[in-house]
Amino acid sequence: MADEQSPKAAIRRIVQRRIRVAAPEVKEQYCNYLTTQASAERVVLNFGFDPRRGPAPNDAQQAKLLHKVVLSPAMARRVKDTLVTLFQKRDAPRVRVTAKVVPAKKPNRSAHNG
């Protein structure tokens, strides 16, 4: 039992790990097209560019597949969770939360006498 870690301790250990990333040949490409496939073993994300989605659609052109990303289901969940968190933080200043104020109830003193 001494070797087992609580889930919170394991998460802290993972979060604190630092990874150095080398990216000398990274190229940026704009993608406005996405298709997906999934099986029990993998999730496939196909990113591409569709010129017909621009301001002047041209039916003679077709979408061009630029990147095919294959992920394990666990990594796909991490990507999903990361994107959800990113958009929650990004959209937080724009979100209005309205709540009805409910006054606190006074404690019933007769129930506590005994």
C-alpha atoms as a PDB file:
ATOM      1  CA  MET A   1       0.000   0.000   0.000  1.00  0.00           C
ATOM      2  CA  ALA A   2       2.922   2.372   0.656  1.00  0.00           C
ATOM      3  CA  ASP A   3       3.893   2.167  -3.040  1.00  0.00           C
ATOM      4  CA  GLU A   4       0.435   3.214  -4.246  1.00  0.00           C
ATOM      5  CA  GLN A   5      -0.206   6.877  -4.933  1.00  0.00           C
ATOM      6  CA  SER A   6      -3.465   8.711  -4.675  1.00  0.00           C
ATOM      7  CA  PRO A   7      -4.899   9.865  -8.020  1.00  0.00           C
ATOM      8  CA  LYS A   8      -4.224  13.504  -7.064  1.00  0.00           C
ATOM      9  CA  ALA A   9      -0.564  12.757  -6.334  1.00  0.00           C
ATOM     10  CA  ALA A  10      -0.207  10.975  -9.663  1.00  0.00           C
ATOM     11  CA  ILE A  11      -1.771  13.928 -11.487  1.00  0.00           C
ATOM     12  CA  ARG A  12       0.562  16.388  -9.735  1.00  0.00           C
ATOM     13  CA  ARG A  13       3.539  14.258 -10.758  1.00  0.00           C
ATOM     14  CA  ILE A  14       2.392  14.242 -14.396  1.00  0.00           C
ATOM     15  CA  VAL A  15       1.650  17.971 -14.455  1.00  0.00           C
ATOM     16  CA  GLN A  16       5.043  18.879 -13.008  1.00  0.00           C
ATOM     17  CA  ARG A  17       6.979  16.883 -15.616  1.00  0.00           C
ATOM     18  CA  ARG A  18       8.721  19.144 -18.104  1.00  0.00           C
ATOM     19  CA  ILE A  19       9.491  18.096 -21.653  1.00  0.00           C
ATOM     20  CA  ARG A  20      11.924  19.826 -23.949  1.00  0.00           C
ATOM     21  CA  VAL A  21      10.576  19.988 -27.482  1.00  0.00           C
ATOM     22  CA  ALA A  22      12.785  20.327 -30.534  1.00  0.00           C
ATOM     23  CA  ALA A  23      10.913  21.673 -33.529  1.00  0.00           C
ATOM     24  CA  PRO A  24      13.430  22.927 -36.098  1.00  0.00           C
ATOM     25  CA  GLU A  25      11.346  21.910 -39.125  1.00  0.00           C
ATOM     26  CA  VAL A  26       7.839  22.772 -37.957  1.00  0.00           C
ATOM     27  CA  LYS A  27       5.712  24.444 -40.591  1.00  0.00           C
ATOM     28  CA  GLU A  28       2.421  26.177 -39.983  1.00  0.00           C
ATOM     29  CA  GLN A  29      -0.525  25.536 -42.291  1.00  0.00           C
ATOM     30  CA  TYR A  30      -4.034  26.904 -42.039  1.00  0.00           C
ATOM     31  CA  CYS A  31      -6.706  24.182 -42.034  1.00  0.00           C
ATOM     32  CA  ASN A  32     -10.436  24.743 -42.397  1.00  0.00           C
ATOM     33  CA  TYR A  33     -11.448  21.156 -43.106  1.00  0.00           C
ATOM     34  CA  LEU A  34     -11.614  18.194 -40.739  1.00  0.00           C
ATOM     35  CA  THR A  35     -12.777  14.607 -41.039  1.00  0.00           C
ATOM     36  CA  THR A  36     -12.539  11.951 -38.362  1.00  0.00           C
ATOM     37  CA  GLN A  37     -12.503   8.187 -38.022  1.00  0.00           C
ATOM     38  CA  ALA A  38     -12.463   6.094 -34.875  1.00  0.00           C
ATOM     39  CA  SER A  39     -12.065   2.480 -33.871  1.00  0.00           C
ATOM     40  CA  ALA A  40     -11.360   0.770 -30.558  1.00  0.00           C
ATOM     41  CA  GLU A  41      -7.603   1.121 -31.126  1.00  0.00           C
ATOM     42  CA  ARG A  42      -7.224   4.540 -32.733  1.00  0.00           C
ATOM     43  CA  VAL A  43      -8.719   7.901 -33.576  1.00  0.00           C
ATOM     44  CA  VAL A  44      -7.785   9.498 -36.898  1.00  0.00           C
ATOM     45  CA  LEU A  45      -8.019  13.234 -37.537  1.00  0.00           C
ATOM     46  CA  ASN A  46      -7.628  14.381 -41.141  1.00  0.00           C
ATOM     47  CA  PHE A  47      -6.904  18.107 -41.446  1.00  0.00           C
ATOM     48  CA  GLY A  48      -7.044  19.884 -44.742  1.00  0.00           C
ATOM     49  CA  PHE A  49      -7.865  23.019 -46.670  1.00  0.00           C
ATOM     50  CA  ASP A  50     -11.059  23.524 -48.644  1.00  0.00           C
ATOM     51  CA  PRO A  51     -10.882  26.602 -50.903  1.00  0.00           C
ATOM     52  CA  ARG A  52     -14.662  26.460 -51.406  1.00  0.00           C
ATOM     53  CA  ARG A  53     -15.142  27.600 -47.809  1.00  0.00           C
ATOM     54  CA  GLY A  54     -13.633  31.003 -48.547  1.00  0.00           C
ATOM     55  CA  PRO A  55     -15.468  34.206 -49.513  1.00  0.00           C
ATOM     56  CA  ALA A  56     -15.686  33.232 -53.210  1.00  0.00           C
ATOM     57  CA  PRO A  57     -16.539  29.522 -53.537  1.00  0.00           C
ATOM     58  CA  ASN A  58     -15.255  27.784 -56.657  1.00  0.00           C
ATOM     59  CA  ASP A  59     -16.786  24.342 -57.258  1.00  0.00           C
ATOM     60  CA  ALA A  60     -13.964  23.390 -59.639  1.00  0.00           C
ATOM     61  CA  GLN A  61     -11.528  23.102 -56.737  1.00  0.00           C
ATOM     62  CA  GLN A  62     -11.494  20.352 -54.147  1.00  0.00           C
ATOM     63  CA  ALA A  63     -10.355  20.063 -50.541  1.00  0.00           C
ATOM     64  CA  LYS A  64      -6.713  19.141 -50.089  1.00  0.00           C
ATOM     65  CA  LEU A  65      -5.730  16.810 -47.254  1.00  0.00           C
ATOM     66  CA  LEU A  66      -2.704  18.298 -45.470  1.00  0.00           C
ATOM     67  CA  HIS A  67      -2.240  16.250 -42.294  1.00  0.00           C
ATOM     68  CA  LYS A  68      -3.373  12.877 -41.014  1.00  0.00           C
ATOM     69  CA  VAL A  69      -2.976  12.521 -37.244  1.00  0.00           C
ATOM     70  CA  VAL A  70      -3.425   9.090 -35.666  1.00  0.00           C
ATOM     71  CA  LEU A  71      -4.008   9.006 -31.895  1.00  0.00           C
ATOM     72  CA  SER A  72      -4.700   6.415 -29.254  1.00  0.00           C
ATOM     73  CA  PRO A  73      -8.142   6.816 -27.660  1.00  0.00           C
ATOM     74  CA  ALA A  74      -6.452   8.020 -24.441  1.00  0.00           C
ATOM     75  CA  MET A  75      -4.506  10.720 -26.302  1.00  0.00           C
ATOM     76  CA  ALA A  76      -7.633  11.728 -28.238  1.00  0.00           C
ATOM     77  CA  ARG A  77      -9.409  12.246 -24.900  1.00  0.00           C
ATOM     78  CA  ARG A  78      -6.505  14.410 -23.696  1.00  0.00           C
ATOM     79  CA  VAL A  79      -6.745  16.490 -26.877  1.00  0.00           C
ATOM     80  CA  LYS A  80     -10.500  16.856 -26.376  1.00  0.00           C
ATOM     81  CA  ASP A  81     -10.115  17.841 -22.714  1.00  0.00           C
ATOM     82  CA  THR A  82      -7.372  20.320 -23.600  1.00  0.00           C
ATOM     83  CA  LEU A  83      -9.519  21.955 -26.293  1.00  0.00           C
ATOM     84  CA  VAL A  84     -12.540  22.144 -23.977  1.00  0.00           C
ATOM     85  CA  THR A  85     -10.420  23.822 -21.282  1.00  0.00           C
ATOM     86  CA  LEU A  86      -8.873  26.182 -23.824  1.00  0.00           C
ATOM     87  CA  PHE A  87     -12.268  27.362 -25.065  1.00  0.00           C
ATOM     88  CA  GLN A  88     -13.686  27.660 -21.553  1.00  0.00           C
ATOM     89  CA  LYS A  89     -10.799  29.969 -20.625  1.00  0.00           C
ATOM     90  CA  ARG A  90     -10.979  31.876 -23.906  1.00  0.00           C
ATOM     91  CA  ASP A  91     -14.725  32.403 -23.725  1.00  0.00           C
ATOM     92  CA  ALA A  92     -14.908  33.071 -19.963  1.00  0.00           C
ATOM     93  CA  PRO A  93     -14.813  36.909 -20.227  1.00  0.00           C
ATOM     94  CA  ARG A  94     -17.718  36.811 -22.691  1.00  0.00           C
ATOM     95  CA  VAL A  95     -19.927  34.488 -20.674  1.00  0.00           C
ATOM     96  CA  ARG A  96     -22.586  36.118 -18.542  1.00  0.00           C
ATOM     97  CA  VAL A  97     -23.751  34.192 -15.557  1.00  0.00           C
ATOM     98  CA  THR A  98     -27.085  35.213 -14.128  1.00  0.00           C
ATOM     99  CA  ALA A  99     -28.295  33.848 -10.859  1.00  0.00           C
ATOM    100  CA  LYS A 100     -31.286  34.473  -8.690  1.00  0.00           C
ATOM    101  CA  VAL A 101     -30.261  35.436  -5.177  1.00  0.00           C
ATOM    102  CA  VAL A 102     -31.974  33.210  -2.654  1.00  0.00           C
ATOM    103  CA  PRO A 103     -31.955  34.497   0.912  1.00  0.00           C
ATOM    104  CA  ALA A 104     -30.508  32.152   3.500  1.00  0.00           C
ATOM    105  CA  LYS A 105     -33.050  30.418   5.699  1.00  0.00           C
ATOM    106  CA  LYS A 106     -32.948  31.178   9.399  1.00  0.00           C
ATOM    107  CA  PRO A 107     -32.188  28.098  11.470  1.00  0.00           C
ATOM    108  CA  ASN A 108     -35.120  26.611  13.326  1.00  0.00           C
ATOM    109  CA  ARG A 109     -34.042  27.021  16.946  1.00  0.00           C
ATOM    110  CA  SER A 110     -36.797  24.798  18.331  1.00  0.00           C
ATOM    111  CA  ALA A 111     -35.365  21.779  16.481  1.00  0.00           C
ATOM    112  CA  HIS A 112     -31.981  22.234  18.193  1.00  0.00           C
ATOM    113  CA  ASN A 113     -33.317  22.437  21.730  1.00  0.00           C
ATOM    114  CA  GLY A 114     -33.270  19.172  23.446  1.00  0.00           C
END
